[in-house]
N, C-alpha and C. Protein backbone atom coordinates (compact mmCIF):
# COMPACT_ATOMS: atom_id res chain seq x y z
N UNK A 1 -10.49 -21.44 14.66
CA UNK A 1 -10.91 -20.51 13.64
C UNK A 1 -9.73 -19.61 13.29
N UNK A 2 -9.49 -19.39 12.01
CA UNK A 2 -8.36 -18.56 11.60
C UNK A 2 -8.72 -17.07 11.69
N UNK A 3 -7.70 -16.27 11.90
CA UNK A 3 -7.86 -14.82 12.04
C UNK A 3 -7.60 -14.15 10.69
N UNK A 4 -8.49 -13.22 10.35
CA UNK A 4 -8.26 -12.38 9.17
C UNK A 4 -8.90 -11.02 9.41
N UNK A 5 -8.41 -10.02 8.70
CA UNK A 5 -8.99 -8.69 8.79
C UNK A 5 -9.01 -8.08 7.39
N UNK A 6 -10.07 -7.36 7.11
CA UNK A 6 -10.24 -6.70 5.81
C UNK A 6 -9.76 -5.26 5.94
N UNK A 7 -8.88 -4.84 5.03
CA UNK A 7 -8.41 -3.46 4.97
C UNK A 7 -8.60 -3.01 3.52
N UNK A 8 -9.73 -2.38 3.26
CA UNK A 8 -10.06 -1.97 1.90
C UNK A 8 -10.22 -3.19 1.00
N UNK A 9 -9.46 -3.22 -0.08
CA UNK A 9 -9.55 -4.36 -1.00
C UNK A 9 -8.56 -5.47 -0.64
N UNK A 10 -7.90 -5.35 0.52
CA UNK A 10 -6.93 -6.35 0.96
C UNK A 10 -7.46 -7.14 2.15
N UNK A 11 -6.93 -8.34 2.31
CA UNK A 11 -7.26 -9.18 3.45
C UNK A 11 -5.96 -9.62 4.09
N UNK A 12 -5.83 -9.39 5.40
CA UNK A 12 -4.66 -9.83 6.15
C UNK A 12 -5.05 -11.12 6.86
N UNK A 13 -4.22 -12.16 6.68
CA UNK A 13 -4.52 -13.48 7.21
C UNK A 13 -3.38 -13.93 8.12
N UNK A 14 -3.71 -14.40 9.33
CA UNK A 14 -2.71 -14.92 10.26
C UNK A 14 -2.28 -16.31 9.82
N UNK A 15 -0.95 -16.56 9.87
CA UNK A 15 -0.43 -17.87 9.49
C UNK A 15 0.55 -18.38 10.54
N UNK A 16 0.90 -19.64 10.40
CA UNK A 16 1.86 -20.27 11.31
C UNK A 16 3.30 -19.91 10.97
N UNK A 17 3.52 -19.14 9.93
CA UNK A 17 4.85 -18.73 9.53
C UNK A 17 5.39 -19.59 8.40
N UNK A 18 6.31 -19.03 7.65
CA UNK A 18 6.87 -19.70 6.48
C UNK A 18 7.52 -21.03 6.86
N UNK A 19 8.32 -21.03 7.93
CA UNK A 19 9.02 -22.25 8.33
C UNK A 19 8.09 -23.33 8.86
N UNK A 20 6.86 -22.98 9.18
CA UNK A 20 5.87 -23.94 9.67
C UNK A 20 4.80 -24.27 8.63
N UNK A 21 5.04 -23.92 7.39
CA UNK A 21 4.12 -24.27 6.32
C UNK A 21 3.04 -23.25 6.01
N UNK A 22 3.06 -22.10 6.67
CA UNK A 22 2.08 -21.03 6.42
C UNK A 22 0.63 -21.49 6.48
N UNK A 23 0.29 -22.27 7.47
CA UNK A 23 -1.08 -22.72 7.69
C UNK A 23 -1.84 -21.59 8.38
N UNK A 24 -3.08 -21.36 7.98
CA UNK A 24 -3.89 -20.31 8.62
C UNK A 24 -4.20 -20.71 10.07
N UNK A 25 -4.02 -19.74 10.98
CA UNK A 25 -4.20 -19.98 12.41
C UNK A 25 -4.95 -18.81 13.04
N UNK A 26 -5.30 -18.95 14.31
CA UNK A 26 -5.89 -17.87 15.07
C UNK A 26 -4.85 -16.82 15.40
N UNK A 27 -5.29 -15.65 15.82
CA UNK A 27 -4.35 -14.55 16.09
C UNK A 27 -3.35 -14.90 17.18
N UNK A 28 -3.78 -15.60 18.22
CA UNK A 28 -2.86 -15.91 19.32
C UNK A 28 -1.77 -16.91 18.91
N UNK A 29 -1.99 -17.70 17.87
CA UNK A 29 -0.99 -18.66 17.41
C UNK A 29 -0.16 -18.12 16.24
N UNK A 30 -0.48 -16.94 15.76
CA UNK A 30 0.16 -16.41 14.54
C UNK A 30 1.64 -16.15 14.74
N UNK A 31 2.42 -16.59 13.78
CA UNK A 31 3.85 -16.31 13.71
C UNK A 31 4.14 -15.28 12.62
N UNK A 32 3.24 -15.19 11.64
CA UNK A 32 3.41 -14.26 10.52
C UNK A 32 2.04 -13.99 9.90
N UNK A 33 2.03 -13.07 8.95
CA UNK A 33 0.77 -12.68 8.30
C UNK A 33 0.99 -12.59 6.79
N UNK A 34 -0.05 -12.92 6.04
CA UNK A 34 -0.04 -12.79 4.59
C UNK A 34 -1.04 -11.70 4.20
N UNK A 35 -0.76 -10.99 3.12
CA UNK A 35 -1.68 -10.00 2.58
C UNK A 35 -2.19 -10.51 1.24
N UNK A 36 -3.50 -10.55 1.11
CA UNK A 36 -4.14 -11.03 -0.11
C UNK A 36 -4.91 -9.87 -0.74
N UNK A 37 -4.66 -9.63 -2.02
CA UNK A 37 -5.43 -8.64 -2.78
C UNK A 37 -6.71 -9.33 -3.21
N UNK A 38 -7.85 -8.86 -2.70
CA UNK A 38 -9.13 -9.51 -2.98
C UNK A 38 -9.62 -9.25 -4.39
N UNK A 39 -9.08 -8.27 -5.07
CA UNK A 39 -9.39 -8.02 -6.48
C UNK A 39 -10.85 -7.80 -6.79
N UNK A 40 -11.07 -7.43 -8.02
CA UNK A 40 -12.43 -7.21 -8.49
C UNK A 40 -12.92 -8.45 -9.19
N UNK A 41 -14.19 -8.71 -9.13
CA UNK A 41 -14.76 -9.87 -9.81
C UNK A 41 -14.45 -11.20 -9.15
N UNK A 42 -14.08 -11.18 -7.86
CA UNK A 42 -13.84 -12.42 -7.13
C UNK A 42 -12.45 -13.00 -7.25
N UNK A 43 -11.57 -12.38 -8.04
CA UNK A 43 -10.21 -12.89 -8.15
C UNK A 43 -9.40 -12.44 -6.93
N UNK A 44 -8.39 -13.21 -6.57
CA UNK A 44 -7.52 -12.82 -5.47
C UNK A 44 -6.10 -13.29 -5.76
N UNK A 45 -5.13 -12.57 -5.17
CA UNK A 45 -3.75 -12.99 -5.33
C UNK A 45 -2.95 -12.59 -4.09
N UNK A 46 -1.94 -13.38 -3.80
CA UNK A 46 -1.07 -13.15 -2.66
C UNK A 46 -0.15 -11.98 -2.97
N UNK A 47 -0.18 -10.95 -2.13
CA UNK A 47 0.67 -9.77 -2.32
C UNK A 47 1.93 -9.85 -1.47
N UNK A 48 1.79 -10.19 -0.20
CA UNK A 48 2.92 -10.30 0.73
C UNK A 48 2.77 -11.59 1.51
N UNK A 49 3.90 -12.18 1.86
CA UNK A 49 3.89 -13.51 2.48
C UNK A 49 4.85 -13.53 3.67
N UNK A 50 4.37 -13.96 4.84
CA UNK A 50 5.23 -14.15 6.00
C UNK A 50 5.79 -12.89 6.61
N UNK A 51 4.97 -11.84 6.73
CA UNK A 51 5.44 -10.58 7.31
C UNK A 51 4.75 -10.34 8.65
N UNK A 52 5.19 -9.31 9.38
CA UNK A 52 4.59 -8.98 10.67
C UNK A 52 3.22 -8.33 10.46
N UNK A 53 2.42 -8.30 11.52
CA UNK A 53 1.10 -7.67 11.43
C UNK A 53 1.25 -6.18 11.13
N UNK A 54 2.20 -5.51 11.78
CA UNK A 54 2.42 -4.08 11.52
C UNK A 54 2.79 -3.83 10.06
N UNK A 55 3.70 -4.65 9.53
CA UNK A 55 4.11 -4.49 8.13
C UNK A 55 2.93 -4.73 7.19
N UNK A 56 2.12 -5.73 7.50
CA UNK A 56 0.94 -6.03 6.68
C UNK A 56 -0.05 -4.88 6.71
N UNK A 57 -0.32 -4.37 7.90
CA UNK A 57 -1.26 -3.26 8.07
C UNK A 57 -0.80 -2.03 7.29
N UNK A 58 0.47 -1.63 7.47
CA UNK A 58 0.98 -0.45 6.78
C UNK A 58 1.05 -0.65 5.27
N UNK A 59 1.34 -1.85 4.82
CA UNK A 59 1.34 -2.14 3.38
C UNK A 59 -0.06 -1.86 2.81
N UNK A 60 -1.08 -2.39 3.48
CA UNK A 60 -2.46 -2.20 3.01
C UNK A 60 -2.87 -0.74 3.02
N UNK A 61 -2.54 -0.04 4.09
CA UNK A 61 -2.90 1.38 4.21
C UNK A 61 -2.20 2.21 3.14
N UNK A 62 -0.91 1.96 2.92
CA UNK A 62 -0.18 2.70 1.90
C UNK A 62 -0.74 2.45 0.51
N UNK A 63 -1.05 1.19 0.21
CA UNK A 63 -1.59 0.86 -1.11
C UNK A 63 -2.97 1.48 -1.32
N UNK A 64 -3.80 1.47 -0.28
CA UNK A 64 -5.13 2.09 -0.38
C UNK A 64 -4.99 3.60 -0.62
N UNK A 65 -4.09 4.24 0.14
CA UNK A 65 -3.89 5.69 -0.02
C UNK A 65 -3.38 6.00 -1.42
N UNK A 66 -2.42 5.23 -1.90
CA UNK A 66 -1.85 5.44 -3.23
C UNK A 66 -2.92 5.31 -4.32
N UNK A 67 -3.81 4.36 -4.16
CA UNK A 67 -4.88 4.16 -5.14
C UNK A 67 -5.81 5.37 -5.22
N UNK A 68 -5.85 6.15 -4.13
CA UNK A 68 -6.71 7.34 -4.09
C UNK A 68 -5.91 8.62 -4.27
N UNK A 69 -4.63 8.49 -4.65
CA UNK A 69 -3.80 9.66 -4.91
C UNK A 69 -3.36 10.41 -3.67
N UNK A 70 -3.27 9.73 -2.55
CA UNK A 70 -2.88 10.34 -1.29
C UNK A 70 -1.50 9.84 -0.89
N UNK A 71 -0.64 10.76 -0.44
CA UNK A 71 0.68 10.37 0.06
C UNK A 71 0.65 10.39 1.58
N UNK A 72 1.13 9.31 2.19
CA UNK A 72 1.18 9.23 3.64
C UNK A 72 2.57 9.60 4.13
N UNK A 73 2.65 10.41 5.15
CA UNK A 73 3.92 10.78 5.75
C UNK A 73 4.06 10.09 7.10
N UNK A 74 5.28 9.75 7.44
CA UNK A 74 5.51 9.14 8.76
C UNK A 74 6.77 9.65 9.37
C-alpha cells in the first residue's frame, strides 16, 4: 500500500525516487516525495517532484499559510 498524507488542499505521496521511476511506495520504502495540488472540482496537478518529506511538508504548510494571508517565520 502506498503512503500519502493530506495537508490542506495538497497531498504528499511517497515515491521510489526520480532515478527509480517515481513509483508510489510505502513510507518505509520511500526515497522521495511528490506534492500534488488536489485543486477544486476534482482537478489535480503535480506541484513538486522528488523532494524530501521535510521539504514537501514545509512547502504545503507555507502555501496554505500564504493562501490565508499568514507569513511564517523560521
